[in-house]
């Protein structure tokens, strides 16, 4: 449905960089909210994570500028997961399969 293997790989890489950047950006939120223990130190923080987030944004913008159809297709594929997320987040875990 998506074409060649290379095209599918490009769609996945586009989506990956969105999530890579979001994950590292969440580090700033986590630290600001006090999620990190006071004794925990990260080398290069906040410069290296901020640089990585900027690079991830540049990669995503580059794909949008160079291949807008591919970027739109990748975004549409990501959006198909939203109903699945809401379907499974609304289900209750049965008593026998509850996580500790």
PDB file of N, CA and C in Angstrom:
ATOM      1  N   UNK A   1       0.801  -1.206   0.000  1.00  0.00           N
ATOM      2  CA  UNK A   1       0.000   0.000   0.000  1.00  0.00           C
ATOM      3  C   UNK A   1       0.842   1.266   0.000  1.00  0.00           C
ATOM      4  N   UNK A   2       2.053   1.217   0.526  1.00  0.00           N
ATOM      5  CA  UNK A   2       2.855   2.434   0.646  1.00  0.00           C
ATOM      6  C   UNK A   2       3.929   2.540  -0.430  1.00  0.00           C
ATOM      7  N   UNK A   3       4.081   1.555  -1.271  1.00  0.00           N
ATOM      8  CA  UNK A   3       5.088   1.633  -2.324  1.00  0.00           C
ATOM      9  C   UNK A   3       6.263   0.721  -2.059  1.00  0.00           C
ATOM     10  N   UNK A   4       7.446   1.178  -2.413  1.00  0.00           N
ATOM     11  CA  UNK A   4       8.648   0.366  -2.275  1.00  0.00           C
ATOM     12  C   UNK A   4       9.133   0.327  -0.833  1.00  0.00           C
ATOM     13  N   UNK A   5      10.083  -0.559  -0.609  1.00  0.00           N
ATOM     14  CA  UNK A   5      10.658  -0.667   0.729  1.00  0.00           C
ATOM     15  C   UNK A   5      11.321   0.653   1.140  1.00  0.00           C
ATOM     16  N   UNK A   6      12.028   1.287   0.212  1.00  0.00           N
ATOM     17  CA  UNK A   6      12.689   2.552   0.505  1.00  0.00           C
ATOM     18  C   UNK A   6      11.705   3.636   0.909  1.00  0.00           C
ATOM     19  N   UNK A   7      10.560   3.702   0.235  1.00  0.00           N
ATOM     20  CA  UNK A   7       9.545   4.695   0.592  1.00  0.00           C
ATOM     21  C   UNK A   7       8.971   4.422   1.976  1.00  0.00           C
ATOM     22  N   UNK A   8       8.727   3.149   2.265  1.00  0.00           N
ATOM     23  CA  UNK A   8       8.222   2.789   3.590  1.00  0.00           C
ATOM     24  C   UNK A   8       9.248   3.131   4.670  1.00  0.00           C
ATOM     25  N   UNK A   9      10.504   2.865   4.389  1.00  0.00           N
ATOM     26  CA  UNK A   9      11.572   3.189   5.335  1.00  0.00           C
ATOM     27  C   UNK A   9      11.629   4.696   5.587  1.00  0.00           C
ATOM     28  N   UNK A  10      11.486   5.491   4.529  1.00  0.00           N
ATOM     29  CA  UNK A  10      11.490   6.946   4.696  1.00  0.00           C
ATOM     30  C   UNK A  10      10.327   7.424   5.548  1.00  0.00           C
ATOM     31  N   UNK A  11       9.158   6.795   5.410  1.00  0.00           N
ATOM     32  CA  UNK A  11       8.015   7.171   6.237  1.00  0.00           C
ATOM     33  C   UNK A  11       8.287   6.870   7.704  1.00  0.00           C
ATOM     34  N   UNK A  12       8.894   5.738   7.961  1.00  0.00           N
ATOM     35  CA  UNK A  12       9.184   5.340   9.342  1.00  0.00           C
ATOM     36  C   UNK A  12      10.252   6.251   9.948  1.00  0.00           C
ATOM     37  N   UNK A  13      11.264   6.590   9.173  1.00  0.00           N
ATOM     38  CA  UNK A  13      12.323   7.461   9.671  1.00  0.00           C
ATOM     39  C   UNK A  13      11.760   8.848   9.987  1.00  0.00           C
ATOM     40  N   UNK A  14      10.865   9.360   9.154  1.00  0.00           N
ATOM     41  CA  UNK A  14      10.218  10.643   9.423  1.00  0.00           C
ATOM     42  C   UNK A  14       9.493  10.597  10.761  1.00  0.00           C
ATOM     43  N   UNK A  15       8.713   9.540  10.973  1.00  0.00           N
ATOM     44  CA  UNK A  15       7.981   9.393  12.232  1.00  0.00           C
ATOM     45  C   UNK A  15       8.939   9.200  13.404  1.00  0.00           C
ATOM     46  N   UNK A  16       9.997   8.447  13.190  1.00  0.00           N
ATOM     47  CA  UNK A  16      10.977   8.227  14.262  1.00  0.00           C
ATOM     48  C   UNK A  16      11.548   9.542  14.775  1.00  0.00           C
ATOM     49  N   UNK A  17      11.914  10.441  13.872  1.00  0.00           N
ATOM     50  CA  UNK A  17      12.526  11.689  14.304  1.00  0.00           C
ATOM     51  C   UNK A  17      11.556  12.566  15.074  1.00  0.00           C
ATOM     52  N   UNK A  18      10.274  12.466  14.769  1.00  0.00           N
ATOM     53  CA  UNK A  18       9.283  13.191  15.560  1.00  0.00           C
ATOM     54  C   UNK A  18       9.302  12.672  16.997  1.00  0.00           C
ATOM     55  N   UNK A  19       9.318  11.352  17.142  1.00  0.00           N
ATOM     56  CA  UNK A  19       9.308  10.759  18.481  1.00  0.00           C
ATOM     57  C   UNK A  19      10.648  10.901  19.197  1.00  0.00           C
ATOM     58  N   UNK A  20      11.766  10.812  18.464  1.00  0.00           N
ATOM     59  CA  UNK A  20      13.076  11.028  19.092  1.00  0.00           C
ATOM     60  C   UNK A  20      13.141  12.420  19.708  1.00  0.00           C
ATOM     61  N   UNK A  21      12.762  13.428  18.927  1.00  0.00           N
ATOM     62  CA  UNK A  21      12.789  14.807  19.421  1.00  0.00           C
ATOM     63  C   UNK A  21      11.839  15.013  20.584  1.00  0.00           C
ATOM     64  N   UNK A  22      10.646  14.434  20.501  1.00  0.00           N
ATOM     65  CA  UNK A  22       9.674  14.557  21.587  1.00  0.00           C
ATOM     66  C   UNK A  22      10.136  13.898  22.871  1.00  0.00           C
ATOM     67  N   UNK A  23      10.804  12.771  22.731  1.00  0.00           N
ATOM     68  CA  UNK A  23      11.306  12.060  23.908  1.00  0.00           C
ATOM     69  C   UNK A  23      12.375  12.872  24.624  1.00  0.00           C
ATOM     70  N   UNK A  24      13.302  13.415  23.869  1.00  0.00           N
ATOM     71  CA  UNK A  24      14.366  14.203  24.496  1.00  0.00           C
ATOM     72  C   UNK A  24      13.809  15.522  25.042  1.00  0.00           C
ATOM     73  N   UNK A  25      12.846  16.117  24.348  1.00  0.00           N
ATOM     74  CA  UNK A  25      12.218  17.347  24.850  1.00  0.00           C
ATOM     75  C   UNK A  25      11.493  17.084  26.169  1.00  0.00           C
ATOM     76  N   UNK A  26      10.953  15.881  26.334  1.00  0.00           N
ATOM     77  CA  UNK A  26      10.267  15.534  27.579  1.00  0.00           C
ATOM     78  C   UNK A  26      11.229  15.516  28.762  1.00  0.00           C
ATOM     79  N   UNK A  27      12.503  15.343  28.493  1.00  0.00           N
ATOM     80  CA  UNK A  27      13.501  15.378  29.567  1.00  0.00           C
ATOM     81  C   UNK A  27      13.487  16.723  30.285  1.00  0.00           C
ATOM     82  N   UNK A  28      13.306  17.806  29.529  1.00  0.00           N
ATOM     83  CA  UNK A  28      13.256  19.136  30.148  1.00  0.00           C
ATOM     84  C   UNK A  28      12.035  19.272  31.052  1.00  0.00           C
ATOM     85  N   UNK A  29      10.913  18.759  30.599  1.00  0.00           N
ATOM     86  CA  UNK A  29       9.683  18.814  31.403  1.00  0.00           C
ATOM     87  C   UNK A  29       9.851  17.969  32.663  1.00  0.00           C
ATOM     88  N   UNK A  30      10.401  16.778  32.497  1.00  0.00           N
ATOM     89  CA  UNK A  30      10.604  15.860  33.628  1.00  0.00           C
ATOM     90  C   UNK A  30      11.498  16.488  34.694  1.00  0.00           C
ATOM     91  N   UNK A  31      12.572  17.112  34.262  1.00  0.00           N
ATOM     92  CA  UNK A  31      13.476  17.739  35.226  1.00  0.00           C
ATOM     93  C   UNK A  31      12.841  18.944  35.888  1.00  0.00           C
ATOM     94  N   UNK A  32      12.088  19.725  35.123  1.00  0.00           N
ATOM     95  CA  UNK A  32      11.455  20.922  35.696  1.00  0.00           C
ATOM     96  C   UNK A  32      10.422  20.531  36.743  1.00  0.00           C
ATOM     97  N   UNK A  33       9.725  19.441  36.532  1.00  0.00           N
ATOM     98  CA  UNK A  33       8.696  19.000  37.476  1.00  0.00           C
ATOM     99  C   UNK A  33       9.277  18.242  38.663  1.00  0.00           C
ATOM    100  N   UNK A  34      10.580  18.087  38.698  1.00  0.00           N
ATOM    101  CA  UNK A  34      11.212  17.437  39.841  1.00  0.00           C
ATOM    102  C   UNK A  34      11.257  15.930  39.741  1.00  0.00           C
ATOM    103  N   UNK A  35      11.176  15.386  38.538  1.00  0.00           N
ATOM    104  CA  UNK A  35      11.197  13.931  38.366  1.00  0.00           C
ATOM    105  C   UNK A  35      12.568  13.319  38.570  1.00  0.00           C
ATOM    106  N   UNK A  36      13.619  14.101  38.346  1.00  0.00           N
ATOM    107  CA  UNK A  36      14.978  13.579  38.508  1.00  0.00           C
ATOM    108  C   UNK A  36      15.425  13.767  39.957  1.00  0.00           C
ATOM    109  N   UNK A  37      16.049  12.754  40.544  1.00  0.00           N
ATOM    110  CA  UNK A  37      16.578  12.916  41.899  1.00  0.00           C
ATOM    111  C   UNK A  37      17.611  14.051  41.925  1.00  0.00           C
ATOM    112  N   UNK A  38      17.715  14.782  43.028  1.00  0.00           N
ATOM    113  CA  UNK A  38      18.657  15.917  43.089  1.00  0.00           C
ATOM    114  C   UNK A  38      20.106  15.514  42.845  1.00  0.00           C
ATOM    115  N   UNK A  39      20.453  14.275  43.132  1.00  0.00           N
ATOM    116  CA  UNK A  39      21.840  13.845  42.971  1.00  0.00           C
ATOM    117  C   UNK A  39      22.128  13.350  41.558  1.00  0.00           C
ATOM    118  N   UNK A  40      21.096  13.219  40.739  1.00  0.00           N
ATOM    119  CA  UNK A  40      21.286  12.716  39.382  1.00  0.00           C
ATOM    120  C   UNK A  40      21.864  13.812  38.498  1.00  0.00           C
ATOM    121  N   UNK A  41      22.982  13.547  37.866  1.00  0.00           N
ATOM    122  CA  UNK A  41      23.627  14.510  36.970  1.00  0.00           C
ATOM    123  C   UNK A  41      23.754  13.890  35.587  1.00  0.00           C
ATOM    124  N   UNK A  42      23.533  14.688  34.587  1.00  0.00           N
ATOM    125  CA  UNK A  42      23.650  14.233  33.207  1.00  0.00           C
ATOM    126  C   UNK A  42      24.714  15.073  32.512  1.00  0.00           C
ATOM    127  N   UNK A  43      25.757  14.437  31.974  1.00  0.00           N
ATOM    128  CA  UNK A  43      26.809  15.207  31.319  1.00  0.00           C
ATOM    129  C   UNK A  43      26.250  15.977  30.113  1.00  0.00           C
ATOM    130  N   UNK A  44      26.594  17.244  30.018  1.00  0.00           N
ATOM    131  CA  UNK A  44      26.174  18.039  28.882  1.00  0.00           C
ATOM    132  C   UNK A  44      24.787  18.633  28.973  1.00  0.00           C
ATOM    133  N   UNK A  45      24.063  18.335  30.052  1.00  0.00           N
ATOM    134  CA  UNK A  45      22.715  18.882  30.200  1.00  0.00           C
ATOM    135  C   UNK A  45      22.811  20.348  30.553  1.00  0.00           C
ATOM    136  N   UNK A  46      22.079  21.209  29.988  1.00  0.00           N
ATOM    137  CA  UNK A  46      20.988  21.132  29.030  1.00  0.00           C
ATOM    138  C   UNK A  46      21.408  21.358  27.577  1.00  0.00           C
ATOM    139  N   UNK A  47      22.704  21.562  27.321  1.00  0.00           N
ATOM    140  CA  UNK A  47      23.159  21.915  25.977  1.00  0.00           C
ATOM    141  C   UNK A  47      22.973  20.755  24.989  1.00  0.00           C
ATOM    142  N   UNK A  48      23.445  19.564  25.340  1.00  0.00           N
ATOM    143  CA  UNK A  48      23.355  18.438  24.405  1.00  0.00           C
ATOM    144  C   UNK A  48      21.915  18.027  24.093  1.00  0.00           C
ATOM    145  N   UNK A  49      21.035  17.896  25.095  1.00  0.00           N
ATOM    146  CA  UNK A  49      19.646  17.565  24.753  1.00  0.00           C
ATOM    147  C   UNK A  49      18.978  18.654  23.910  1.00  0.00           C
ATOM    148  N   UNK A  50      19.261  19.916  24.206  1.00  0.00           N
ATOM    149  CA  UNK A  50      18.665  21.009  23.424  1.00  0.00           C
ATOM    150  C   UNK A  50      19.162  20.957  21.983  1.00  0.00           C
ATOM    151  N   UNK A  51      20.439  20.680  21.799  1.00  0.00           N
ATOM    152  CA  UNK A  51      20.990  20.544  20.450  1.00  0.00           C
ATOM    153  C   UNK A  51      20.330  19.392  19.708  1.00  0.00           C
ATOM    154  N   UNK A  52      20.123  18.272  20.394  1.00  0.00           N
ATOM    155  CA  UNK A  52      19.481  17.117  19.762  1.00  0.00           C
ATOM    156  C   UNK A  52      18.053  17.453  19.335  1.00  0.00           C
ATOM    157  N   UNK A  53      17.316  18.152  20.186  1.00  0.00           N
ATOM    158  CA  UNK A  53      15.942  18.538  19.842  1.00  0.00           C
ATOM    159  C   UNK A  53      15.951  19.449  18.611  1.00  0.00           C
ATOM    160  N   UNK A  54      16.891  20.379  18.551  1.00  0.00           N
ATOM    161  CA  UNK A  54      16.992  21.255  17.387  1.00  0.00           C
ATOM    162  C   UNK A  54      17.314  20.471  16.117  1.00  0.00           C
ATOM    163  N   UNK A  55      18.193  19.494  16.219  1.00  0.00           N
ATOM    164  CA  UNK A  55      18.519  18.661  15.061  1.00  0.00           C
ATOM    165  C   UNK A  55      17.299  17.848  14.631  1.00  0.00           C
ATOM    166  N   UNK A  56      16.558  17.300  15.584  1.00  0.00           N
ATOM    167  CA  UNK A  56      15.358  16.533  15.252  1.00  0.00           C
ATOM    168  C   UNK A  56      14.334  17.417  14.548  1.00  0.00           C
ATOM    169  N   UNK A  57      14.168  18.649  15.027  1.00  0.00           N
ATOM    170  CA  UNK A  57      13.247  19.582  14.366  1.00  0.00           C
ATOM    171  C   UNK A  57      13.728  19.881  12.948  1.00  0.00           C
ATOM    172  N   UNK A  58      15.040  20.065  12.784  1.00  0.00           N
ATOM    173  CA  UNK A  58      15.598  20.334  11.456  1.00  0.00           C
ATOM    174  C   UNK A  58      15.366  19.164  10.509  1.00  0.00           C
ATOM    175  N   UNK A  59      15.519  17.943  10.996  1.00  0.00           N
ATOM    176  CA  UNK A  59      15.292  16.760  10.148  1.00  0.00           C
ATOM    177  C   UNK A  59      13.832  16.695   9.714  1.00  0.00           C
ATOM    178  N   UNK A  60      12.915  16.920  10.638  1.00  0.00           N
ATOM    179  CA  UNK A  60      11.488  16.870  10.311  1.00  0.00           C
ATOM    180  C   UNK A  60      11.129  17.975   9.326  1.00  0.00           C
ATOM    181  N   UNK A  61      11.612  19.189   9.553  1.00  0.00           N
ATOM    182  CA  UNK A  61      11.339  20.295   8.634  1.00  0.00           C
ATOM    183  C   UNK A  61      11.947  20.007   7.262  1.00  0.00           C
ATOM    184  N   UNK A  62      13.138  19.428   7.242  1.00  0.00           N
ATOM    185  CA  UNK A  62      13.789  19.084   5.983  1.00  0.00           C
ATOM    186  C   UNK A  62      12.939  18.120   5.160  1.00  0.00           C
ATOM    187  N   UNK A  63      12.383  17.118   5.813  1.00  0.00           N
ATOM    188  CA  UNK A  63      11.535  16.159   5.100  1.00  0.00           C
ATOM    189  C   UNK A  63      10.266  16.847   4.602  1.00  0.00           C
ATOM    190  N   UNK A  64       9.682  17.715   5.414  1.00  0.00           N
ATOM    191  CA  UNK A  64       8.459  18.415   5.002  1.00  0.00           C
ATOM    192  C   UNK A  64       8.739  19.293   3.780  1.00  0.00           C
ATOM    193  N   UNK A  65       9.890  19.975   3.765  1.00  0.00           N
ATOM    194  CA  UNK A  65      10.226  20.864   2.656  1.00  0.00           C
ATOM    195  C   UNK A  65      10.590  20.058   1.401  1.00  0.00           C
ATOM    196  N   UNK A  66      11.404  19.026   1.556  1.00  0.00           N
ATOM    197  CA  UNK A  66      11.899  18.266   0.406  1.00  0.00           C
ATOM    198  C   UNK A  66      10.877  17.276  -0.159  1.00  0.00           C
ATOM    199  N   UNK A  67      10.046  16.723   0.690  1.00  0.00           N
ATOM    200  CA  UNK A  67       9.082  15.707   0.240  1.00  0.00           C
ATOM    201  C   UNK A  67       7.767  15.883   0.991  1.00  0.00           C
ATOM    202  N   UNK A  68       6.993  16.908   0.647  1.00  0.00           N
ATOM    203  CA  UNK A  68       5.767  17.176   1.399  1.00  0.00           C
ATOM    204  C   UNK A  68       4.735  16.048   1.313  1.00  0.00           C
ATOM    205  N   UNK A  69       4.683  15.352   0.198  1.00  0.00           N
ATOM    206  CA  UNK A  69       3.728  14.237   0.074  1.00  0.00           C
ATOM    207  C   UNK A  69       4.127  13.114   1.019  1.00  0.00           C
ATOM    208  N   UNK A  70       5.410  12.819   1.057  1.00  0.00           N
ATOM    209  CA  UNK A  70       5.893  11.767   1.961  1.00  0.00           C
ATOM    210  C   UNK A  70       5.646  12.161   3.417  1.00  0.00           C
ATOM    211  N   UNK A  71       5.879  13.435   3.746  1.00  0.00           N
ATOM    212  CA  UNK A  71       5.636  13.906   5.115  1.00  0.00           C
ATOM    213  C   UNK A  71       4.155  13.808   5.466  1.00  0.00           C
ATOM    214  N   UNK A  72       3.292  14.176   4.519  1.00  0.00           N
ATOM    215  CA  UNK A  72       1.846  14.084   4.771  1.00  0.00           C
ATOM    216  C   UNK A  72       1.413  12.632   4.931  1.00  0.00           C
ATOM    217  N   UNK A  73       1.981  11.753   4.127  1.00  0.00           N
ATOM    218  CA  UNK A  73       1.659  10.326   4.244  1.00  0.00           C
ATOM    219  C   UNK A  73       2.130   9.777   5.585  1.00  0.00           C
ATOM    220  N   UNK A  74       3.338  10.154   5.997  1.00  0.00           N
ATOM    221  CA  UNK A  74       3.845   9.718   7.301  1.00  0.00           C
ATOM    222  C   UNK A  74       2.990  10.233   8.445  1.00  0.00           C
ATOM    223  N   UNK A  75       2.548  11.472   8.337  1.00  0.00           N
ATOM    224  CA  UNK A  75       1.683  12.043   9.365  1.00  0.00           C
ATOM    225  C   UNK A  75       0.342  11.316   9.403  1.00  0.00           C
ATOM    226  N   UNK A  76      -0.182  10.983   8.222  1.00  0.00           N
ATOM    227  CA  UNK A  76      -1.447  10.236   8.164  1.00  0.00           C
ATOM    228  C   UNK A  76      -1.296   8.847   8.786  1.00  0.00           C
ATOM    229  N   UNK A  77      -0.157   8.200   8.522  1.00  0.00           N
ATOM    230  CA  UNK A  77       0.075   6.882   9.133  1.00  0.00           C
ATOM    231  C   UNK A  77       0.164   6.992  10.655  1.00  0.00           C
ATOM    232  N   UNK A  78       0.815   8.048  11.138  1.00  0.00           N
ATOM    233  CA  UNK A  78       0.868   8.256  12.590  1.00  0.00           C
ATOM    234  C   UNK A  78      -0.523   8.499  13.155  1.00  0.00           C
ATOM    235  N   UNK A  79      -1.327   9.258  12.427  1.00  0.00           N
ATOM    236  CA  UNK A  79      -2.672   9.591  12.899  1.00  0.00           C
ATOM    237  C   UNK A  79      -3.577   8.374  12.970  1.00  0.00           C
ATOM    238  N   UNK A  80      -3.286   7.345  12.187  1.00  0.00           N
ATOM    239  CA  UNK A  80      -4.117   6.141  12.255  1.00  0.00           C
ATOM    240  C   UNK A  80      -3.985   5.441  13.604  1.00  0.00           C
ATOM    241  N   UNK A  81      -2.919   5.731  14.335  1.00  0.00           N
ATOM    242  CA  UNK A  81      -2.750   5.126  15.647  1.00  0.00           C
ATOM    243  C   UNK A  81      -3.577   5.782  16.735  1.00  0.00           C
ATOM    244  N   UNK A  82      -4.088   6.971  16.496  1.00  0.00           N
ATOM    245  CA  UNK A  82      -4.857   7.686  17.522  1.00  0.00           C
ATOM    246  C   UNK A  82      -6.124   6.939  17.918  1.00  0.00           C
ATOM    247  N   UNK A  83      -6.955   6.482  16.975  1.00  0.00           N
ATOM    248  CA  UNK A  83      -8.140   5.722  17.392  1.00  0.00           C
ATOM    249  C   UNK A  83      -7.776   4.420  18.116  1.00  0.00           C
ATOM    250  N   UNK A  84      -6.696   3.797  17.680  1.00  0.00           N
ATOM    251  CA  UNK A  84      -6.259   2.559  18.342  1.00  0.00           C
ATOM    252  C   UNK A  84      -5.867   2.857  19.782  1.00  0.00           C
ATOM    253  N   UNK A  85      -5.147   3.959  19.999  1.00  0.00           N
ATOM    254  CA  UNK A  85      -4.769   4.350  21.356  1.00  0.00           C
ATOM    255  C   UNK A  85      -6.006   4.540  22.226  1.00  0.00           C
ATOM    256  N   UNK A  86      -6.970   5.302  21.727  1.00  0.00           N
ATOM    257  CA  UNK A  86      -8.170   5.561  22.529  1.00  0.00           C
ATOM    258  C   UNK A  86      -8.995   4.297  22.745  1.00  0.00           C
ATOM    259  N   UNK A  87      -8.997   3.402  21.782  1.00  0.00           N
ATOM    260  CA  UNK A  87      -9.726   2.145  21.960  1.00  0.00           C
ATOM    261  C   UNK A  87      -9.123   1.333  23.104  1.00  0.00           C
ATOM    262  N   UNK A  88      -7.807   1.190  23.095  1.00  0.00           N
ATOM    263  CA  UNK A  88      -7.169   0.366  24.119  1.00  0.00           C
ATOM    264  C   UNK A  88      -7.024   1.083  25.456  1.00  0.00           C
ATOM    265  N   UNK A  89      -6.958   2.397  25.487  1.00  0.00           N
ATOM    266  CA  UNK A  89      -6.842   3.094  26.765  1.00  0.00           C
ATOM    267  C   UNK A  89      -8.176   3.104  27.509  1.00  0.00           C
ATOM    268  N   UNK A  90      -9.271   2.895  26.791  1.00  0.00           N
ATOM    269  CA  UNK A  90     -10.577   2.870  27.437  1.00  0.00           C
ATOM    270  C   UNK A  90     -10.969   1.502  27.960  1.00  0.00           C
ATOM    271  N   UNK A  91     -10.223   0.463  27.582  1.00  0.00           N
ATOM    272  CA  UNK A  91     -10.546  -0.887  28.033  1.00  0.00           C
ATOM    273  C   UNK A  91     -10.058  -1.104  29.450  1.00  0.00           C
ATOM    274  N   UNK A  92     -10.806  -1.841  30.207  1.00  0.00           N
ATOM    275  CA  UNK A  92     -10.420  -2.158  31.584  1.00  0.00           C
ATOM    276  C   UNK A  92      -9.588  -3.424  31.588  1.00  0.00           C
ATOM    277  N   UNK A  93      -8.632  -3.488  32.484  1.00  0.00           N
ATOM    278  CA  UNK A  93      -7.815  -4.680  32.639  1.00  0.00           C
ATOM    279  C   UNK A  93      -8.576  -5.647  33.521  1.00  0.00           C
ATOM    280  N   UNK A  94      -8.696  -6.892  33.065  1.00  0.00           N
ATOM    281  CA  UNK A  94      -9.438  -7.877  33.858  1.00  0.00           C
ATOM    282  C   UNK A  94      -8.642  -8.189  35.124  1.00  0.00           C
ATOM    283  N   UNK A  95      -9.332  -8.672  36.113  1.00  0.00           N
ATOM    284  CA  UNK A  95      -8.723  -8.941  37.426  1.00  0.00           C
ATOM    285  C   UNK A  95      -7.573  -9.931  37.334  1.00  0.00           C
ATOM    286  N   UNK A  96      -7.682 -10.914  36.447  1.00  0.00           N
ATOM    287  CA  UNK A  96      -6.643 -11.931  36.353  1.00  0.00           C
ATOM    288  C   UNK A  96      -5.385 -11.464  35.642  1.00  0.00           C
ATOM    289  N   UNK A  97      -5.450 -10.360  34.936  1.00  0.00           N
ATOM    290  CA  UNK A  97      -4.298  -9.907  34.158  1.00  0.00           C
ATOM    291  C   UNK A  97      -3.795  -8.532  34.585  1.00  0.00           C
ATOM    292  N   UNK A  98      -4.119  -8.133  35.781  1.00  0.00           N
ATOM    293  CA  UNK A  98      -3.702  -6.817  36.270  1.00  0.00           C
ATOM    294  C   UNK A  98      -2.202  -6.815  36.569  1.00  0.00           C
ATOM    295  N   UNK A  99      -1.547  -5.736  36.184  1.00  0.00           N
ATOM    296  CA  UNK A  99      -0.125  -5.603  36.467  1.00  0.00           C
ATOM    297  C   UNK A  99       0.074  -5.194  37.918  1.00  0.00           C
ATOM    298  N   UNK A 100       1.170  -5.641  38.539  1.00  0.00           N
ATOM    299  CA  UNK A 100       1.403  -5.278  39.950  1.00  0.00           C
ATOM    300  C   UNK A 100       1.707  -3.821  40.129  1.00  0.00           C
TER     301      UNK A 100
END
